[in-house]
Amino acid sequence: MKILANDGISLKGQEALTSAGFEVITVTVAQEQLIDFINNNEIAGLLVRSATKVRKDIIDNCPSLKLIGRGGVGMDNIDVAYAKEKGLHVINTPAASSESVAELVFAHLYGGVRFLYDSNRNMPLEGERNFKKLKKSYAKGIELRGKTLGVIGFGRIGQATAKIALGVGMQVVFYDPFIDTAKISLDFYDNQKVVFNLDGISKEELLKVSDFISLHVPAQKDYVIGSSEFALMKEGVGIINAARGGVIDEVALIESIEKGKVAFAGLDTFESEPNPEIKILMHPNISLTPHIGAATAEAQDRIGLELADQIKSLLK
């Protein structure tokens, strides 16, 4: 049986599938050519990340297809319900990338409170002649320790983010319409363990008390954070979106930054991805990454192996 990993798969995942008797194809097929490629090569399993979309046209016109796999958590690029209705297996890897995304959140947070997003732009341009001026500009950083992190969406990634925050010495509050309480266990290298029991609060309360806010929600029809939400936040709040583009109103975000309500933002996903707005890309108070939350070697290995295990279970 042939598996097309259209958006790539780790070498470990590929080896696990090959050793189980699958033929793994790792070429990247253009979206408009995907149906013909699947049919011509009798592809049984299609693996994607966020780039390739698997809509009704592919599901209806590819009779050899038995399985669709998403290397990651969110499956908004797949017509999941329709695929299952047509008898296809649909799988993802919800736990594999949690820690990687959480660490990226804190990369943005640490960069934000110490102005690294702007310093790294200006030091190469002005560091030689304006060193003292730049030093003064970036000398008003703050510490994360002792501050409050508000986490909107408290699934696996939200809880992984909370673990880092608690380890740093932050207070964590969370809002999730489906989770009222959570037990967060911090496991240390020497087998020590500390358990925190957290109770969820309302979204409005979270917005009011948080010094920093991190979003961990699936794609939404409406904004999770818009003008009315920004109005409730503390002055000088920092906000991170490593979830999905479109959960923050980027026009309202720019306005809130310009007014000083938001001190900085860290964005890994964008409303108009893969063509982010120029005002977002050029803003000096926004830290930017190109949707790389799960893009660590360790996470990709976990994703590949988890996909391989599920494929072997379902197709062999």
Protein backbone atom coordinates (compact mmCIF):
# COMPACT_ATOMS: atom_id res chain seq x y z
CA MET A 1 0.00 0.00 0.00
CA LYS A 2 1.16 3.50 -0.86
CA ILE A 3 1.20 6.45 1.53
CA LEU A 4 1.62 9.98 0.19
CA ALA A 5 3.15 12.33 2.78
CA ASN A 6 2.35 15.44 0.80
CA ASP A 7 3.60 17.92 3.39
CA GLY A 8 6.48 15.70 4.49
CA ILE A 9 7.08 13.21 7.28
CA SER A 10 10.06 12.67 9.58
CA LEU A 11 12.63 10.05 8.67
CA LYS A 12 11.69 8.00 11.74
CA GLY A 13 8.04 8.00 10.71
CA GLN A 14 8.96 7.06 7.18
CA GLU A 15 11.18 4.21 8.36
CA ALA A 16 8.44 2.90 10.67
CA LEU A 17 5.98 2.76 7.77
CA THR A 18 8.48 1.25 5.34
CA SER A 19 9.42 -1.48 7.80
CA ALA A 20 5.72 -2.33 8.08
CA GLY A 21 5.49 -2.86 4.34
CA PHE A 22 4.13 0.49 3.17
CA GLU A 23 5.58 2.45 0.28
CA VAL A 24 6.04 6.06 1.39
CA ILE A 25 6.03 8.82 -1.23
CA THR A 26 7.33 12.18 -0.04
CA VAL A 27 7.03 14.33 -3.15
CA THR A 28 4.96 17.50 -2.74
CA VAL A 29 2.07 17.46 -5.19
CA ALA A 30 0.36 20.76 -6.04
CA GLN A 31 -3.18 21.04 -4.70
CA GLU A 32 -4.72 21.16 -8.19
CA GLN A 33 -2.83 18.02 -9.27
CA LEU A 34 -3.52 15.98 -6.16
CA ILE A 35 -6.57 14.06 -7.38
CA ASP A 36 -4.81 12.84 -10.53
CA PHE A 37 -1.67 11.88 -8.59
CA ILE A 38 -3.63 9.92 -5.97
CA ASN A 39 -5.58 8.05 -8.63
CA ASN A 40 -2.63 7.37 -10.95
CA ASN A 41 -0.55 6.01 -8.08
CA GLU A 42 -3.39 4.25 -6.19
CA ILE A 43 -2.62 6.11 -2.96
CA ALA A 44 -4.24 4.50 0.09
CA GLY A 45 -3.17 7.04 2.71
CA LEU A 46 -2.75 10.80 2.38
CA LEU A 47 -0.75 12.57 5.09
CA VAL A 48 -0.85 16.36 5.37
CA ARG A 49 0.11 19.14 7.74
CA SER A 50 -1.43 22.58 7.32
CA ALA A 51 -0.52 23.35 3.69
CA THR A 52 -2.53 20.69 1.82
CA LYS A 53 -6.32 20.84 1.95
CA VAL A 54 -8.43 17.70 1.80
CA ARG A 55 -11.92 18.75 0.78
CA LYS A 56 -14.93 16.97 -0.69
CA ASP A 57 -13.48 17.00 -4.22
CA ILE A 58 -10.55 14.79 -3.18
CA ILE A 59 -12.71 12.56 -0.98
CA ASP A 60 -15.29 12.03 -3.74
CA ASN A 61 -12.87 11.51 -6.62
CA CYS A 62 -10.15 9.29 -5.11
CA PRO A 63 -11.60 5.78 -4.68
CA SER A 64 -8.26 4.26 -3.63
CA LEU A 65 -8.02 6.56 -0.62
CA LYS A 66 -8.67 4.81 2.68
CA LEU A 67 -7.06 7.14 5.22
CA ILE A 68 -6.33 10.83 5.73
CA GLY A 69 -3.79 11.79 8.38
CA ARG A 70 -2.99 15.21 9.79
CA GLY A 71 0.48 15.64 11.27
CA GLY A 72 -0.57 17.95 14.09
CA VAL A 73 -3.64 18.91 16.06
CA GLY A 74 -6.07 21.13 14.16
CA MET A 75 -7.90 19.53 11.24
CA ASP A 76 -9.64 22.58 9.78
CA ASN A 77 -7.93 21.88 6.43
CA ILE A 78 -9.74 18.53 6.20
CA ASP A 79 -13.47 17.89 5.72
CA VAL A 80 -13.39 15.45 8.62
CA ALA A 81 -17.08 14.68 9.04
CA TYR A 82 -17.59 14.16 5.32
CA ALA A 83 -14.57 11.88 5.04
CA LYS A 84 -15.78 9.73 7.92
CA GLU A 85 -19.26 9.64 6.40
CA LYS A 86 -17.66 8.24 3.23
CA GLY A 87 -15.91 5.53 5.23
CA LEU A 88 -12.40 6.97 5.37
CA HIS A 89 -10.23 6.85 8.46
CA VAL A 90 -9.22 10.33 9.64
CA ILE A 91 -6.39 10.58 12.15
CA ASN A 92 -4.24 13.27 13.75
CA THR A 93 -1.53 13.57 16.40
CA PRO A 94 -2.98 15.71 19.18
CA ALA A 95 -0.27 15.11 21.78
CA ALA A 96 2.90 15.05 19.69
CA SER A 97 3.56 18.77 19.26
CA SER A 98 2.23 20.26 22.51
CA GLU A 99 5.60 20.94 24.13
CA SER A 100 7.07 22.41 20.95
CA VAL A 101 4.23 24.90 20.55
CA ALA A 102 4.40 25.81 24.24
CA GLU A 103 8.12 26.51 24.00
CA LEU A 104 7.54 28.76 20.99
CA VAL A 105 4.97 30.71 23.02
CA PHE A 106 7.64 31.38 25.60
CA ALA A 107 10.18 32.27 22.94
CA HIS A 108 7.77 35.02 21.90
CA LEU A 109 7.08 35.99 25.51
CA TYR A 110 10.72 36.27 26.51
CA GLY A 111 11.49 38.10 23.29
CA GLY A 112 8.58 40.42 23.95
CA VAL A 113 9.42 41.49 27.48
CA ARG A 114 13.05 42.17 26.47
CA PHE A 115 12.26 43.75 23.06
CA LEU A 116 14.24 41.13 21.12
CA TYR A 117 11.77 41.27 18.22
CA ASP A 118 12.80 44.90 17.60
CA SER A 119 16.38 44.77 18.85
CA ASN A 120 17.21 41.97 16.41
CA ARG A 121 16.00 44.18 13.57
CA ASN A 122 17.82 47.34 14.61
CA MET A 123 21.12 46.13 16.01
CA PRO A 124 22.48 45.05 12.59
CA LEU A 125 21.43 48.42 11.13
CA GLU A 126 22.33 50.83 13.94
CA GLY A 127 24.35 48.91 16.53
CA GLU A 128 27.72 50.20 15.32
CA ARG A 129 26.85 53.90 15.39
CA ASN A 130 23.93 54.13 17.86
CA PHE A 131 24.80 51.53 20.48
CA LYS A 132 24.08 53.77 23.50
CA LYS A 133 20.79 54.98 22.03
CA LEU A 134 19.65 51.43 21.40
CA LYS A 135 20.74 50.38 24.87
CA LYS A 136 18.54 53.11 26.34
CA SER A 137 15.63 52.15 24.08
CA TYR A 138 15.65 48.54 25.18
CA ALA A 139 16.53 49.04 28.84
CA LYS A 140 13.00 48.93 30.24
CA GLY A 141 12.34 45.21 30.08
CA ILE A 142 10.31 43.33 32.65
CA GLU A 143 10.43 39.80 34.08
CA LEU A 144 7.85 37.07 33.54
CA ARG A 145 8.28 35.71 37.04
CA GLY A 146 5.45 36.85 39.30
CA LYS A 147 3.20 37.93 36.42
CA THR A 148 -0.12 36.37 35.41
CA LEU A 149 -0.48 34.35 32.22
CA GLY A 150 -4.00 33.89 30.91
CA VAL A 151 -4.47 30.83 28.71
CA ILE A 152 -7.52 30.75 26.44
CA GLY A 153 -8.14 27.15 25.45
CA PHE A 154 -6.85 24.60 27.95
CA GLY A 155 -6.36 21.43 25.96
CA ARG A 156 -3.02 19.68 25.59
CA ILE A 157 -1.13 22.67 24.21
CA GLY A 158 -2.70 25.13 26.62
CA GLN A 159 -1.76 22.90 29.53
CA ALA A 160 1.79 22.42 28.21
CA THR A 161 2.08 26.21 28.08
CA ALA A 162 0.79 26.44 31.63
CA LYS A 163 3.46 23.99 32.81
CA ILE A 164 6.25 26.21 31.53
CA ALA A 165 4.60 29.28 33.05
CA LEU A 166 4.30 27.62 36.44
CA GLY A 167 7.91 26.49 36.25
CA VAL A 168 8.97 30.06 35.51
CA GLY A 169 7.12 31.27 38.59
CA MET A 170 4.08 32.80 36.92
CA GLN A 171 0.49 32.62 38.09
CA VAL A 172 -1.72 30.84 35.55
CA VAL A 173 -5.41 31.42 34.93
CA PHE A 174 -7.36 29.75 32.15
CA TYR A 175 -10.64 29.89 30.30
CA ASP A 176 -12.06 26.95 28.38
CA PRO A 177 -15.79 26.44 27.77
CA PHE A 178 -15.32 22.66 28.03
CA ILE A 179 -12.91 22.40 30.96
CA ASP A 180 -13.73 23.58 34.48
CA THR A 181 -10.74 22.24 36.40
CA ALA A 182 -7.34 20.84 35.52
CA LYS A 183 -4.53 19.08 37.35
CA ILE A 184 -1.15 20.24 36.07
CA SER A 185 1.83 18.07 36.99
CA LEU A 186 5.36 19.45 36.71
CA ASP A 187 7.79 16.56 36.38
CA PHE A 188 11.45 17.38 36.96
CA TYR A 189 14.64 15.65 35.80
CA ASP A 190 15.32 14.12 39.24
CA ASN A 191 11.85 12.52 39.50
CA GLN A 192 10.48 15.26 41.74
CA LYS A 193 6.91 16.24 40.95
CA VAL A 194 4.74 19.23 41.85
CA VAL A 195 1.00 19.17 41.15
CA PHE A 196 -1.12 22.30 40.67
CA ASN A 197 -4.91 22.17 40.76
CA LEU A 198 -6.34 24.98 38.65
CA ASP A 199 -9.92 26.19 38.34
CA GLY A 200 -11.11 27.86 35.17
CA ILE A 201 -12.45 31.41 35.22
CA SER A 202 -14.63 33.37 32.82
CA LYS A 203 -13.16 34.79 29.65
CA GLU A 204 -13.97 38.31 30.81
CA GLU A 205 -12.20 37.84 34.13
CA LEU A 206 -9.17 36.35 32.40
CA LEU A 207 -8.93 39.35 30.08
CA LYS A 208 -9.03 41.72 33.03
CA VAL A 209 -6.43 40.06 35.27
CA SER A 210 -3.82 38.73 32.82
CA ASP A 211 -0.50 40.43 32.18
CA PHE A 212 0.01 38.15 29.18
CA ILE A 213 -2.49 36.13 27.15
CA SER A 214 -1.83 33.04 25.03
CA LEU A 215 -4.45 31.55 22.71
CA HIS A 216 -4.78 27.81 22.14
CA VAL A 217 -8.06 27.32 20.32
CA PRO A 218 -9.08 25.70 17.03
CA ALA A 219 -10.15 27.72 14.00
CA GLN A 220 -13.27 29.75 14.72
CA LYS A 221 -16.05 31.36 12.69
CA ASP A 222 -15.75 34.52 14.75
CA TYR A 223 -12.86 36.29 16.45
CA VAL A 224 -11.97 35.11 19.93
CA ILE A 225 -10.19 38.41 20.54
CA GLY A 226 -11.61 41.56 18.97
CA SER A 227 -12.11 45.20 19.90
CA SER A 228 -14.41 44.51 22.85
CA GLU A 229 -11.97 41.96 24.29
CA PHE A 230 -8.99 44.30 23.89
CA ALA A 231 -10.95 46.96 25.76
CA LEU A 232 -11.17 44.69 28.83
CA MET A 233 -7.43 43.97 28.98
CA LYS A 234 -4.84 45.57 31.22
CA GLU A 235 -2.77 48.42 29.88
CA GLY A 236 0.47 47.07 28.43
CA VAL A 237 -0.67 43.47 28.01
CA GLY A 238 1.26 41.07 25.79
CA ILE A 239 -0.64 38.64 23.59
CA ILE A 240 0.54 35.50 21.77
CA ASN A 241 -1.22 33.55 19.04
CA ALA A 242 0.40 30.24 18.15
CA ALA A 243 -2.98 28.61 17.49
CA ARG A 244 -4.79 29.53 14.28
CA GLY A 245 -5.00 32.59 12.08
CA GLY A 246 -8.30 34.41 12.35
CA VAL A 247 -8.83 33.98 16.09
CA ILE A 248 -7.51 37.52 16.64
CA ASP A 249 -8.90 40.55 14.80
CA GLU A 250 -5.62 41.88 13.42
CA VAL A 251 -7.05 45.32 12.64
CA ALA A 252 -8.14 45.66 16.26
CA LEU A 253 -4.76 44.32 17.37
CA ILE A 254 -2.88 47.03 15.46
CA GLU A 255 -5.20 49.68 16.88
CA SER A 256 -4.67 48.38 20.41
CA ILE A 257 -0.90 48.40 19.99
CA GLU A 258 -0.98 51.95 18.62
CA LYS A 259 -3.05 53.07 21.61
CA GLY A 260 -0.67 51.40 24.08
CA LYS A 261 -3.27 48.95 25.35
CA VAL A 262 -1.16 46.08 23.96
CA ALA A 263 2.59 46.38 24.56
CA PHE A 264 3.54 43.65 22.10
CA ALA A 265 2.14 40.67 20.24
CA GLY A 266 3.75 37.41 19.16
CA LEU A 267 2.18 35.81 16.09
CA ASP A 268 2.95 32.41 14.64
CA THR A 269 -0.32 32.27 12.68
CA PHE A 270 -2.04 34.94 10.63
CA GLU A 271 -5.50 35.93 9.49
CA SER A 272 -4.50 36.03 5.81
CA GLU A 273 -1.93 33.22 5.94
CA PRO A 274 0.09 32.40 3.86
CA ASN A 275 0.18 36.08 2.85
CA PRO A 276 0.22 38.06 6.12
CA GLU A 277 -0.72 41.72 5.92
CA ILE A 278 2.19 44.11 5.47
CA LYS A 279 1.07 46.16 8.50
CA ILE A 280 1.52 43.07 10.64
CA LEU A 281 4.86 42.12 9.11
CA MET A 282 6.37 45.58 9.44
CA HIS A 283 5.07 46.56 12.86
CA PRO A 284 7.91 47.13 15.35
CA ASN A 285 5.89 45.75 18.27
CA ILE A 286 5.02 42.38 16.77
CA SER A 287 7.22 39.29 17.05
CA LEU A 288 6.83 37.08 14.00
CA THR A 289 7.31 33.43 13.10
CA PRO A 290 5.95 31.65 9.98
CA HIS A 291 3.65 29.02 11.56
CA ILE A 292 6.44 26.89 13.05
CA GLY A 293 4.86 25.88 16.37
CA ALA A 294 5.33 22.16 15.78
CA ALA A 295 8.48 22.53 13.69
CA THR A 296 11.06 20.98 15.98
CA ALA A 297 12.99 17.81 15.23
CA GLU A 298 11.62 16.13 18.35
CA ALA A 299 8.00 17.01 17.60
CA GLN A 300 8.27 15.90 13.98
CA ASP A 301 9.69 12.55 15.08
CA ARG A 302 6.83 12.10 17.56
CA ILE A 303 4.31 13.09 14.89
CA GLY A 304 5.78 10.70 12.32
CA LEU A 305 5.88 7.77 14.73
CA GLU A 306 2.38 8.43 16.03
CA LEU A 307 1.00 8.58 12.49
CA ALA A 308 2.85 5.38 11.59
CA ASP A 309 1.44 3.53 14.61
CA GLN A 310 -2.12 4.55 13.73
CA ILE A 311 -1.70 3.70 10.05
CA LYS A 312 -0.34 0.25 10.84
CA SER A 313 -3.24 -0.36 13.21
CA LEU A 314 -5.90 0.78 10.73
CA LEU A 315 -4.59 -0.42 7.35
CA LYS A 316 -2.67 -3.61 8.10
